[in-house]
All heavy atoms as atom14 arrays in JSON, in Angstrom:
{
  "sequence": "ELKRAVDGISQRMLTVTLRGLERDGILTRTVRNVMPPHVSYELTPMGT",
  "atom14_mask": [
    [1, 1, 1, 1, 1, 1, 1, 1, 1, 0, 0, 0, 0, 0],
    [1, 1, 1, 1, 1, 1, 1, 1, 0, 0, 0, 0, 0, 0],
    [1, 1, 1, 1, 1, 1, 1, 1, 1, 0, 0, 0, 0, 0],
    [1, 1, 1, 1, 1, 1, 1, 1, 1, 1, 1, 0, 0, 0],
    [1, 1, 1, 1, 1, 0, 0, 0, 0, 0, 0, 0, 0, 0],
    [1, 1, 1, 1, 1, 1, 1, 0, 0, 0, 0, 0, 0, 0],
    [1, 1, 1, 1, 1, 1, 1, 1, 0, 0, 0, 0, 0, 0],
    [1, 1, 1, 1, 0, 0, 0, 0, 0, 0, 0, 0, 0, 0],
    [1, 1, 1, 1, 1, 1, 1, 1, 0, 0, 0, 0, 0, 0],
    [1, 1, 1, 1, 1, 1, 0, 0, 0, 0, 0, 0, 0, 0],
    [1, 1, 1, 1, 1, 1, 1, 1, 1, 0, 0, 0, 0, 0],
    [1, 1, 1, 1, 1, 1, 1, 1, 1, 1, 1, 0, 0, 0],
    [1, 1, 1, 1, 1, 1, 1, 1, 0, 0, 0, 0, 0, 0],
    [1, 1, 1, 1, 1, 1, 1, 1, 0, 0, 0, 0, 0, 0],
    [1, 1, 1, 1, 1, 1, 1, 0, 0, 0, 0, 0, 0, 0],
    [1, 1, 1, 1, 1, 1, 1, 0, 0, 0, 0, 0, 0, 0],
    [1, 1, 1, 1, 1, 1, 1, 0, 0, 0, 0, 0, 0, 0],
    [1, 1, 1, 1, 1, 1, 1, 1, 0, 0, 0, 0, 0, 0],
    [1, 1, 1, 1, 1, 1, 1, 1, 1, 1, 1, 0, 0, 0],
    [1, 1, 1, 1, 0, 0, 0, 0, 0, 0, 0, 0, 0, 0],
    [1, 1, 1, 1, 1, 1, 1, 1, 0, 0, 0, 0, 0, 0],
    [1, 1, 1, 1, 1, 1, 1, 1, 1, 0, 0, 0, 0, 0],
    [1, 1, 1, 1, 1, 1, 1, 1, 1, 1, 1, 0, 0, 0],
    [1, 1, 1, 1, 1, 1, 1, 1, 0, 0, 0, 0, 0, 0],
    [1, 1, 1, 1, 0, 0, 0, 0, 0, 0, 0, 0, 0, 0],
    [1, 1, 1, 1, 1, 1, 1, 1, 0, 0, 0, 0, 0, 0],
    [1, 1, 1, 1, 1, 1, 1, 1, 0, 0, 0, 0, 0, 0],
    [1, 1, 1, 1, 1, 1, 1, 0, 0, 0, 0, 0, 0, 0],
    [1, 1, 1, 1, 1, 1, 1, 1, 1, 1, 1, 0, 0, 0],
    [1, 1, 1, 1, 1, 1, 1, 0, 0, 0, 0, 0, 0, 0],
    [1, 1, 1, 1, 1, 1, 1, 0, 0, 0, 0, 0, 0, 0],
    [1, 1, 1, 1, 1, 1, 1, 1, 1, 1, 1, 0, 0, 0],
    [1, 1, 1, 1, 1, 1, 1, 1, 0, 0, 0, 0, 0, 0],
    [1, 1, 1, 1, 1, 1, 1, 0, 0, 0, 0, 0, 0, 0],
    [1, 1, 1, 1, 1, 1, 1, 1, 0, 0, 0, 0, 0, 0],
    [1, 1, 1, 1, 1, 1, 1, 0, 0, 0, 0, 0, 0, 0],
    [1, 1, 1, 1, 1, 1, 1, 0, 0, 0, 0, 0, 0, 0],
    [1, 1, 1, 1, 1, 1, 1, 1, 1, 1, 0, 0, 0, 0],
    [1, 1, 1, 1, 1, 1, 1, 0, 0, 0, 0, 0, 0, 0],
    [1, 1, 1, 1, 1, 1, 0, 0, 0, 0, 0, 0, 0, 0],
    [1, 1, 1, 1, 1, 1, 1, 1, 1, 1, 1, 1, 0, 0],
    [1, 1, 1, 1, 1, 1, 1, 1, 1, 0, 0, 0, 0, 0],
    [1, 1, 1, 1, 1, 1, 1, 1, 0, 0, 0, 0, 0, 0],
    [1, 1, 1, 1, 1, 1, 1, 0, 0, 0, 0, 0, 0, 0],
    [1, 1, 1, 1, 1, 1, 1, 0, 0, 0, 0, 0, 0, 0],
    [1, 1, 1, 1, 1, 1, 1, 1, 0, 0, 0, 0, 0, 0],
    [1, 1, 1, 1, 0, 0, 0, 0, 0, 0, 0, 0, 0, 0],
    [1, 1, 1, 1, 1, 1, 1, 0, 0, 0, 0, 0, 0, 0]
  ],
  "atom14_positions": [
    [[0.84, -1.2, 0.0], [0.0, 0.0, 0.0], [0.87, 1.26, 0.0], [0.58, 2.23, -0.7], [-0.93, 0.0, 1.21], [-1.98, -1.1, 1.18], [-2.74, -1.25, 2.48], [-2.11, -1.13, 3.57], [-3.95, -1.48, 2.41], [0.0, 0.0, 0.0], [0.0, 0.0, 0.0], [0.0, 0.0, 0.0], [0.0, 0.0, 0.0], [0.0, 0.0, 0.0]],
    [[1.95, 1.22, 0.78], [2.88, 2.35, 0.8], [3.57, 2.5, -0.55], [3.73, 3.61, -1.05], [3.92, 2.17, 1.9], [3.5, 2.54, 3.3], [4.5, 2.04, 4.33], [3.31, 4.04, 3.42], [0.0, 0.0, 0.0], [0.0, 0.0, 0.0], [0.0, 0.0, 0.0], [0.0, 0.0, 0.0], [0.0, 0.0, 0.0], [0.0, 0.0, 0.0]],
    [[3.95, 1.39, -1.14], [4.63, 1.42, -2.45], [3.73, 2.09, -3.49], [4.19, 2.9, -4.3], [4.99, -0.01, -2.88], [5.62, -0.12, -4.25], [7.08, 0.23, -4.21], [7.79, -0.08, -5.52], [7.49, 0.86, -6.59], [0.0, 0.0, 0.0], [0.0, 0.0, 0.0], [0.0, 0.0, 0.0], [0.0, 0.0, 0.0], [0.0, 0.0, 0.0]],
    [[2.47, 1.76, -3.48], [1.51, 2.39, -4.41], [1.28, 3.86, -4.09], [1.13, 4.69, -4.98], [0.18, 1.66, -4.37], [0.09, 0.47, -5.29], [-1.34, 0.0, -5.44], [-1.96, -0.38, -4.18], [-1.95, -1.61, -3.67], [-1.36, -2.58, -4.31], [-2.52, -1.86, -2.52], [0.0, 0.0, 0.0], [0.0, 0.0, 0.0], [0.0, 0.0, 0.0]],
    [[1.26, 4.2, -2.81], [0.93, 5.56, -2.38], [2.07, 6.55, -2.61], [1.82, 7.72, -2.92], [0.55, 5.57, -0.91], [0.0, 0.0, 0.0], [0.0, 0.0, 0.0], [0.0, 0.0, 0.0], [0.0, 0.0, 0.0], [0.0, 0.0, 0.0], [0.0, 0.0, 0.0], [0.0, 0.0, 0.0], [0.0, 0.0, 0.0], [0.0, 0.0, 0.0]],
    [[3.31, 6.1, -2.48], [4.47, 6.99, -2.59], [5.0, 6.91, -4.03], [5.8, 6.04, -4.35], [5.56, 6.64, -1.56], [6.73, 7.6, -1.68], [4.99, 6.67, -0.14], [0.0, 0.0, 0.0], [0.0, 0.0, 0.0], [0.0, 0.0, 0.0], [0.0, 0.0, 0.0], [0.0, 0.0, 0.0], [0.0, 0.0, 0.0], [0.0, 0.0, 0.0]],
    [[4.53, 7.82, -4.84], [4.86, 7.82, -6.26], [6.36, 7.96, -6.51], [6.99, 8.87, -5.96], [4.1, 8.96, -6.95], [4.25, 8.92, -8.45], [4.24, 7.81, -9.02], [4.37, 9.99, -9.06], [0.0, 0.0, 0.0], [0.0, 0.0, 0.0], [0.0, 0.0, 0.0], [0.0, 0.0, 0.0], [0.0, 0.0, 0.0], [0.0, 0.0, 0.0]],
    [[6.92, 7.06, -7.29], [8.31, 7.16, -7.7], [9.32, 6.46, -6.81], [10.49, 6.36, -7.17], [0.0, 0.0, 0.0], [0.0, 0.0, 0.0], [0.0, 0.0, 0.0], [0.0, 0.0, 0.0], [0.0, 0.0, 0.0], [0.0, 0.0, 0.0], [0.0, 0.0, 0.0], [0.0, 0.0, 0.0], [0.0, 0.0, 0.0], [0.0, 0.0, 0.0]],
    [[8.91, 5.93, -5.67], [9.86, 5.27, -4.78], [10.08, 3.84, -5.25], [9.14, 3.14, -5.64], [9.4, 5.32, -3.3], [10.54, 4.93, -2.36], [8.16, 4.45, -3.08], [10.28, 5.23, -0.9], [0.0, 0.0, 0.0], [0.0, 0.0, 0.0], [0.0, 0.0, 0.0], [0.0, 0.0, 0.0], [0.0, 0.0, 0.0], [0.0, 0.0, 0.0]],
    [[11.34, 3.4, -5.24], [11.65, 2.02, -5.6], [11.41, 1.11, -4.4], [11.35, 1.58, -3.25], [13.11, 1.9, -6.05], [13.98, 2.09, -4.94], [0.0, 0.0, 0.0], [0.0, 0.0, 0.0], [0.0, 0.0, 0.0], [0.0, 0.0, 0.0], [0.0, 0.0, 0.0], [0.0, 0.0, 0.0], [0.0, 0.0, 0.0], [0.0, 0.0, 0.0]],
    [[11.29, -0.17, -4.68], [11.07, -1.12, -3.59], [12.23, -1.09, -2.61], [12.04, -1.11, -1.4], [10.88, -2.53, -4.17], [10.56, -3.55, -3.1], [10.03, -4.85, -3.71], [9.46, -4.85, -4.79], [10.23, -5.94, -2.99], [0.0, 0.0, 0.0], [0.0, 0.0, 0.0], [0.0, 0.0, 0.0], [0.0, 0.0, 0.0], [0.0, 0.0, 0.0]],
    [[13.45, -1.02, -3.14], [14.63, -0.99, -2.28], [14.66, 0.28, -1.41], [14.93, 0.22, -0.22], [15.91, -1.06, -3.12], [17.17, -1.05, -2.27], [18.44, -1.01, -3.11], [19.63, -1.04, -2.31], [20.07, -0.04, -1.55], [19.39, 1.07, -1.46], [21.18, -0.15, -0.85], [0.0, 0.0, 0.0], [0.0, 0.0, 0.0], [0.0, 0.0, 0.0]],
    [[14.36, 1.44, -2.02], [14.38, 2.69, -1.26], [13.29, 2.7, -0.19], [13.5, 3.2, 0.91], [14.23, 3.89, -2.19], [14.34, 5.22, -1.48], [15.84, 5.43, -0.47], [17.1, 5.46, -1.72], [0.0, 0.0, 0.0], [0.0, 0.0, 0.0], [0.0, 0.0, 0.0], [0.0, 0.0, 0.0], [0.0, 0.0, 0.0], [0.0, 0.0, 0.0]],
    [[12.14, 2.13, -0.51], [11.07, 2.04, 0.48], [11.52, 1.18, 1.66], [11.33, 1.55, 2.82], [9.79, 1.49, -0.14], [8.59, 1.34, 0.79], [8.23, 2.64, 1.48], [7.4, 0.77, 0.03], [0.0, 0.0, 0.0], [0.0, 0.0, 0.0], [0.0, 0.0, 0.0], [0.0, 0.0, 0.0], [0.0, 0.0, 0.0], [0.0, 0.0, 0.0]],
    [[12.13, 0.05, 1.36], [12.63, -0.84, 2.41], [13.66, -0.14, 3.29], [13.58, -0.16, 4.52], [13.25, -2.11, 1.8], [12.25, -2.8, 1.05], [13.82, -3.03, 2.86], [0.0, 0.0, 0.0], [0.0, 0.0, 0.0], [0.0, 0.0, 0.0], [0.0, 0.0, 0.0], [0.0, 0.0, 0.0], [0.0, 0.0, 0.0], [0.0, 0.0, 0.0]],
    [[14.63, 0.52, 2.66], [15.69, 1.22, 3.4], [15.1, 2.34, 4.26], [15.45, 2.49, 5.44], [16.75, 1.78, 2.42], [17.68, 2.76, 3.11], [17.53, 0.65, 1.78], [0.0, 0.0, 0.0], [0.0, 0.0, 0.0], [0.0, 0.0, 0.0], [0.0, 0.0, 0.0], [0.0, 0.0, 0.0], [0.0, 0.0, 0.0], [0.0, 0.0, 0.0]],
    [[14.17, 3.09, 3.7], [13.57, 4.21, 4.43], [12.73, 3.71, 5.6], [12.8, 4.27, 6.71], [12.73, 5.09, 3.49], [13.56, 5.5, 2.39], [12.2, 6.31, 4.2], [0.0, 0.0, 0.0], [0.0, 0.0, 0.0], [0.0, 0.0, 0.0], [0.0, 0.0, 0.0], [0.0, 0.0, 0.0], [0.0, 0.0, 0.0], [0.0, 0.0, 0.0]],
    [[11.94, 2.67, 5.38], [11.13, 2.11, 6.47], [12.01, 1.6, 7.6], [11.71, 1.82, 8.78], [10.23, 0.99, 5.95], [9.06, 1.44, 5.08], [8.4, 0.23, 4.42], [8.05, 2.24, 5.87], [0.0, 0.0, 0.0], [0.0, 0.0, 0.0], [0.0, 0.0, 0.0], [0.0, 0.0, 0.0], [0.0, 0.0, 0.0], [0.0, 0.0, 0.0]],
    [[13.1, 0.93, 7.27], [14.02, 0.43, 8.31], [14.62, 1.59, 9.11], [14.73, 1.51, 10.34], [15.14, -0.4, 7.68], [14.68, -1.76, 7.26], [15.81, -2.56, 6.65], [15.33, -3.84, 6.18], [15.96, -4.6, 5.31], [17.13, -4.22, 4.82], [15.46, -5.75, 4.94], [0.0, 0.0, 0.0], [0.0, 0.0, 0.0], [0.0, 0.0, 0.0]],
    [[15.01, 2.65, 8.41], [15.58, 3.82, 9.1], [14.56, 4.48, 10.02], [14.88, 4.84, 11.15], [0.0, 0.0, 0.0], [0.0, 0.0, 0.0], [0.0, 0.0, 0.0], [0.0, 0.0, 0.0], [0.0, 0.0, 0.0], [0.0, 0.0, 0.0], [0.0, 0.0, 0.0], [0.0, 0.0, 0.0], [0.0, 0.0, 0.0], [0.0, 0.0, 0.0]],
    [[13.33, 4.63, 9.55], [12.29, 5.24, 10.37], [11.94, 4.36, 11.57], [11.66, 4.87, 12.66], [11.04, 5.52, 9.53], [11.19, 6.62, 8.48], [9.99, 6.65, 7.55], [11.39, 7.97, 9.15], [0.0, 0.0, 0.0], [0.0, 0.0, 0.0], [0.0, 0.0, 0.0], [0.0, 0.0, 0.0], [0.0, 0.0, 0.0], [0.0, 0.0, 0.0]],
    [[11.97, 3.05, 11.37], [11.72, 2.14, 12.5], [12.86, 2.23, 13.51], [12.63, 2.31, 14.72], [11.57, 0.71, 11.99], [11.27, -0.29, 13.09], [11.17, -1.73, 12.6], [11.52, -2.01, 11.43], [10.73, -2.57, 13.4], [0.0, 0.0, 0.0], [0.0, 0.0, 0.0], [0.0, 0.0, 0.0], [0.0, 0.0, 0.0], [0.0, 0.0, 0.0]],
    [[14.08, 2.25, 13.02], [15.25, 2.35, 13.9], [15.21, 3.63, 14.73], [15.59, 3.63, 15.91], [16.52, 2.32, 13.05], [17.79, 2.42, 13.86], [19.01, 2.28, 12.97], [20.21, 2.34, 13.77], [21.1, 3.33, 13.71], [20.92, 4.33, 12.87], [22.16, 3.32, 14.48], [0.0, 0.0, 0.0], [0.0, 0.0, 0.0], [0.0, 0.0, 0.0]],
    [[14.74, 4.72, 14.12], [14.69, 6.01, 14.81], [13.47, 6.18, 15.69], [13.3, 7.22, 16.32], [14.75, 7.15, 13.8], [16.09, 7.21, 13.09], [17.08, 6.71, 13.63], [16.13, 7.77, 11.97], [0.0, 0.0, 0.0], [0.0, 0.0, 0.0], [0.0, 0.0, 0.0], [0.0, 0.0, 0.0], [0.0, 0.0, 0.0], [0.0, 0.0, 0.0]],
    [[12.59, 5.18, 15.73], [11.43, 5.25, 16.6], [10.27, 6.05, 16.03], [9.36, 6.43, 16.75], [0.0, 0.0, 0.0], [0.0, 0.0, 0.0], [0.0, 0.0, 0.0], [0.0, 0.0, 0.0], [0.0, 0.0, 0.0], [0.0, 0.0, 0.0], [0.0, 0.0, 0.0], [0.0, 0.0, 0.0], [0.0, 0.0, 0.0], [0.0, 0.0, 0.0]],
    [[10.29, 6.29, 14.7], [9.24, 7.07, 14.06], [8.04, 6.19, 13.71], [6.91, 6.64, 13.73], [9.78, 7.76, 12.77], [11.02, 8.61, 13.08], [8.69, 8.55, 12.06], [10.79, 9.73, 14.04], [0.0, 0.0, 0.0], [0.0, 0.0, 0.0], [0.0, 0.0, 0.0], [0.0, 0.0, 0.0], [0.0, 0.0, 0.0], [0.0, 0.0, 0.0]],
    [[8.3, 4.94, 13.4], [7.22, 4.01, 13.09], [7.5, 2.65, 13.68], [8.62, 2.36, 14.09], [6.96, 3.92, 11.57], [8.1, 3.47, 10.66], [8.26, 1.96, 10.63], [7.84, 3.97, 9.26], [0.0, 0.0, 0.0], [0.0, 0.0, 0.0], [0.0, 0.0, 0.0], [0.0, 0.0, 0.0], [0.0, 0.0, 0.0], [0.0, 0.0, 0.0]],
    [[6.46, 1.85, 13.74], [6.6, 0.47, 14.2], [6.23, -0.46, 13.06], [5.4, -0.12, 12.2], [5.7, 0.15, 15.41], [4.35, 0.42, 15.06], [6.1, 0.96, 16.62], [0.0, 0.0, 0.0], [0.0, 0.0, 0.0], [0.0, 0.0, 0.0], [0.0, 0.0, 0.0], [0.0, 0.0, 0.0], [0.0, 0.0, 0.0], [0.0, 0.0, 0.0]],
    [[6.84, -1.61, 13.06], [6.59, -2.65, 12.07], [5.94, -3.81, 12.8], [6.5, -4.32, 13.78], [7.91, -3.08, 11.44], [7.81, -4.18, 10.43], [9.22, -4.47, 9.88], [9.19, -5.45, 8.85], [9.42, -6.76, 9.02], [9.72, -7.22, 10.23], [9.38, -7.59, 8.02], [0.0, 0.0, 0.0], [0.0, 0.0, 0.0], [0.0, 0.0, 0.0]],
    [[4.78, -4.24, 12.34], [4.07, -5.33, 12.98], [3.92, -6.47, 11.98], [3.45, -6.26, 10.86], [2.67, -4.88, 13.45], [2.83, -3.77, 14.33], [1.94, -5.99, 14.16], [0.0, 0.0, 0.0], [0.0, 0.0, 0.0], [0.0, 0.0, 0.0], [0.0, 0.0, 0.0], [0.0, 0.0, 0.0], [0.0, 0.0, 0.0], [0.0, 0.0, 0.0]],
    [[4.34, -7.67, 12.4], [4.23, -8.86, 11.55], [3.17, -9.77, 12.15], [3.25, -10.13, 13.32], [5.57, -9.61, 11.45], [5.44, -10.85, 10.58], [6.67, -8.71, 10.95], [0.0, 0.0, 0.0], [0.0, 0.0, 0.0], [0.0, 0.0, 0.0], [0.0, 0.0, 0.0], [0.0, 0.0, 0.0], [0.0, 0.0, 0.0], [0.0, 0.0, 0.0]],
    [[2.18, -10.13, 11.35], [1.15, -11.08, 11.76], [1.46, -12.42, 11.11], [1.66, -12.48, 9.9], [-0.22, -10.6, 11.34], [-0.55, -9.25, 11.98], [-1.99, -9.03, 12.19], [-2.48, -7.77, 12.65], [-1.85, -6.75, 13.18], [-0.6, -6.78, 13.33], [-2.47, -5.66, 13.57], [0.0, 0.0, 0.0], [0.0, 0.0, 0.0], [0.0, 0.0, 0.0]],
    [[1.53, -13.45, 11.92], [1.89, -14.77, 11.42], [0.71, -15.47, 10.75], [0.06, -16.33, 11.33], [2.45, -15.64, 12.56], [3.81, -15.14, 12.99], [4.58, -14.66, 12.16], [4.1, -15.23, 14.27], [0.0, 0.0, 0.0], [0.0, 0.0, 0.0], [0.0, 0.0, 0.0], [0.0, 0.0, 0.0], [0.0, 0.0, 0.0], [0.0, 0.0, 0.0]],
    [[0.44, -15.04, 9.53], [-0.56, -15.69, 8.68], [0.15, -16.02, 7.38], [1.27, -15.59, 7.15], [-1.79, -14.78, 8.44], [-2.54, -14.54, 9.74], [-1.39, -13.47, 7.8], [0.0, 0.0, 0.0], [0.0, 0.0, 0.0], [0.0, 0.0, 0.0], [0.0, 0.0, 0.0], [0.0, 0.0, 0.0], [0.0, 0.0, 0.0], [0.0, 0.0, 0.0]],
    [[-0.48, -16.76, 6.52], [0.14, -17.09, 5.24], [-0.58, -16.35, 4.13], [-1.77, -16.55, 3.96], [0.09, -18.6, 4.98], [1.06, -19.36, 5.85], [2.74, -18.75, 5.8], [3.32, -19.41, 4.26], [0.0, 0.0, 0.0], [0.0, 0.0, 0.0], [0.0, 0.0, 0.0], [0.0, 0.0, 0.0], [0.0, 0.0, 0.0], [0.0, 0.0, 0.0]],
    [[0.09, -15.54, 3.35], [1.46, -15.06, 3.58], [1.52, -14.1, 4.75], [0.48, -13.56, 5.15], [1.79, -14.34, 2.26], [0.48, -13.88, 1.74], [-0.53, -14.91, 2.18], [0.0, 0.0, 0.0], [0.0, 0.0, 0.0], [0.0, 0.0, 0.0], [0.0, 0.0, 0.0], [0.0, 0.0, 0.0], [0.0, 0.0, 0.0], [0.0, 0.0, 0.0]],
    [[2.71, -13.87, 5.31], [2.84, -12.98, 6.46], [2.27, -11.59, 6.15], [2.43, -11.08, 5.05], [4.34, -12.92, 6.72], [4.88, -14.16, 6.1], [3.99, -14.46, 4.92], [0.0, 0.0, 0.0], [0.0, 0.0, 0.0], [0.0, 0.0, 0.0], [0.0, 0.0, 0.0], [0.0, 0.0, 0.0], [0.0, 0.0, 0.0], [0.0, 0.0, 0.0]],
    [[1.6, -11.02, 7.11], [1.0, -9.68, 6.98], [1.87, -8.72, 7.77], [1.95, -8.8, 8.99], [-0.43, -9.73, 7.54], [-1.14, -8.43, 7.46], [-2.1, -8.17, 6.52], [-1.05, -7.31, 8.22], [-2.56, -6.95, 6.7], [-1.95, -6.41, 7.73], [0.0, 0.0, 0.0], [0.0, 0.0, 0.0], [0.0, 0.0, 0.0], [0.0, 0.0, 0.0]],
    [[2.54, -7.8, 7.06], [3.42, -6.81, 7.7], [2.79, -5.44, 7.5], [2.44, -5.07, 6.38], [4.84, -6.84, 7.09], [5.73, -5.8, 7.76], [5.46, -8.22, 7.22], [0.0, 0.0, 0.0], [0.0, 0.0, 0.0], [0.0, 0.0, 0.0], [0.0, 0.0, 0.0], [0.0, 0.0, 0.0], [0.0, 0.0, 0.0], [0.0, 0.0, 0.0]],
    [[2.64, -4.71, 8.59], [2.1, -3.36, 8.48], [3.0, -2.39, 9.24], [3.76, -2.77, 10.13], [0.67, -3.29, 9.0], [0.63, -3.61, 10.37], [0.0, 0.0, 0.0], [0.0, 0.0, 0.0], [0.0, 0.0, 0.0], [0.0, 0.0, 0.0], [0.0, 0.0, 0.0], [0.0, 0.0, 0.0], [0.0, 0.0, 0.0], [0.0, 0.0, 0.0]],
    [[2.87, -1.13, 8.86], [3.67, -0.06, 9.45], [2.72, 0.99, 10.0], [1.69, 1.29, 9.39], [4.59, 0.56, 8.39], [5.56, -0.45, 7.84], [5.22, -1.23, 6.74], [6.8, -0.64, 8.43], [6.1, -2.18, 6.24], [7.68, -1.59, 7.94], [7.32, -2.36, 6.84], [8.19, -3.3, 6.36], [0.0, 0.0, 0.0], [0.0, 0.0, 0.0]],
    [[3.12, 1.56, 11.15], [2.26, 2.54, 11.82], [3.14, 3.56, 12.53], [4.2, 3.22, 13.06], [1.37, 1.82, 12.83], [0.38, 2.68, 13.53], [-0.58, 1.86, 14.39], [-0.32, 0.67, 14.63], [-1.58, 2.44, 14.83], [0.0, 0.0, 0.0], [0.0, 0.0, 0.0], [0.0, 0.0, 0.0], [0.0, 0.0, 0.0], [0.0, 0.0, 0.0]],
    [[2.69, 4.8, 12.56], [3.44, 5.84, 13.26], [3.41, 5.61, 14.77], [2.39, 5.21, 15.32], [2.86, 7.23, 12.97], [3.02, 7.77, 11.56], [2.36, 9.14, 11.45], [4.48, 7.84, 11.14], [0.0, 0.0, 0.0], [0.0, 0.0, 0.0], [0.0, 0.0, 0.0], [0.0, 0.0, 0.0], [0.0, 0.0, 0.0], [0.0, 0.0, 0.0]],
    [[4.53, 5.87, 15.4], [4.59, 5.89, 16.86], [4.09, 7.27, 17.32], [3.9, 8.17, 16.49], [6.05, 5.7, 17.33], [6.82, 6.81, 16.85], [6.64, 4.38, 16.85], [0.0, 0.0, 0.0], [0.0, 0.0, 0.0], [0.0, 0.0, 0.0], [0.0, 0.0, 0.0], [0.0, 0.0, 0.0], [0.0, 0.0, 0.0], [0.0, 0.0, 0.0]],
    [[3.92, 7.46, 18.62], [3.56, 8.81, 19.1], [4.59, 9.86, 18.64], [4.2, 10.97, 18.25], [3.53, 8.66, 20.61], [3.11, 7.21, 20.81], [3.82, 6.46, 19.71], [0.0, 0.0, 0.0], [0.0, 0.0, 0.0], [0.0, 0.0, 0.0], [0.0, 0.0, 0.0], [0.0, 0.0, 0.0], [0.0, 0.0, 0.0], [0.0, 0.0, 0.0]],
    [[5.87, 9.51, 18.64], [6.88, 10.46, 18.16], [6.72, 10.7, 16.66], [6.88, 11.83, 16.19], [8.3, 9.95, 18.47], [9.37, 10.95, 18.09], [11.03, 10.55, 18.68], [11.32, 8.94, 17.98], [0.0, 0.0, 0.0], [0.0, 0.0, 0.0], [0.0, 0.0, 0.0], [0.0, 0.0, 0.0], [0.0, 0.0, 0.0], [0.0, 0.0, 0.0]],
    [[6.38, 9.67, 15.91], [6.14, 9.83, 14.48], [4.96, 10.74, 14.2], [4.97, 11.52, 13.25], [0.0, 0.0, 0.0], [0.0, 0.0, 0.0], [0.0, 0.0, 0.0], [0.0, 0.0, 0.0], [0.0, 0.0, 0.0], [0.0, 0.0, 0.0], [0.0, 0.0, 0.0], [0.0, 0.0, 0.0], [0.0, 0.0, 0.0], [0.0, 0.0, 0.0]],
    [[3.94, 10.66, 15.05], [2.79, 11.55, 14.91], [3.19, 13.0, 15.12], [2.74, 13.89, 14.4], [1.67, 11.13, 15.9], [1.29, 9.79, 15.6], [0.47, 12.04, 15.78], [0.0, 0.0, 0.0], [0.0, 0.0, 0.0], [0.0, 0.0, 0.0], [0.0, 0.0, 0.0], [0.0, 0.0, 0.0], [0.0, 0.0, 0.0], [0.0, 0.0, 0.0]]
  ]
}
């Protein structure tokens, strides 16, 4: 959904940016153990 929403971003750049934002505490990454795995991203209070 993010890949579709952010026009022009490559898959690799999206991955790198999401990891950086997660590392900095701006967003959280949640993995749901279903098949296939469901991964979502959400702003933290600091990200808000």
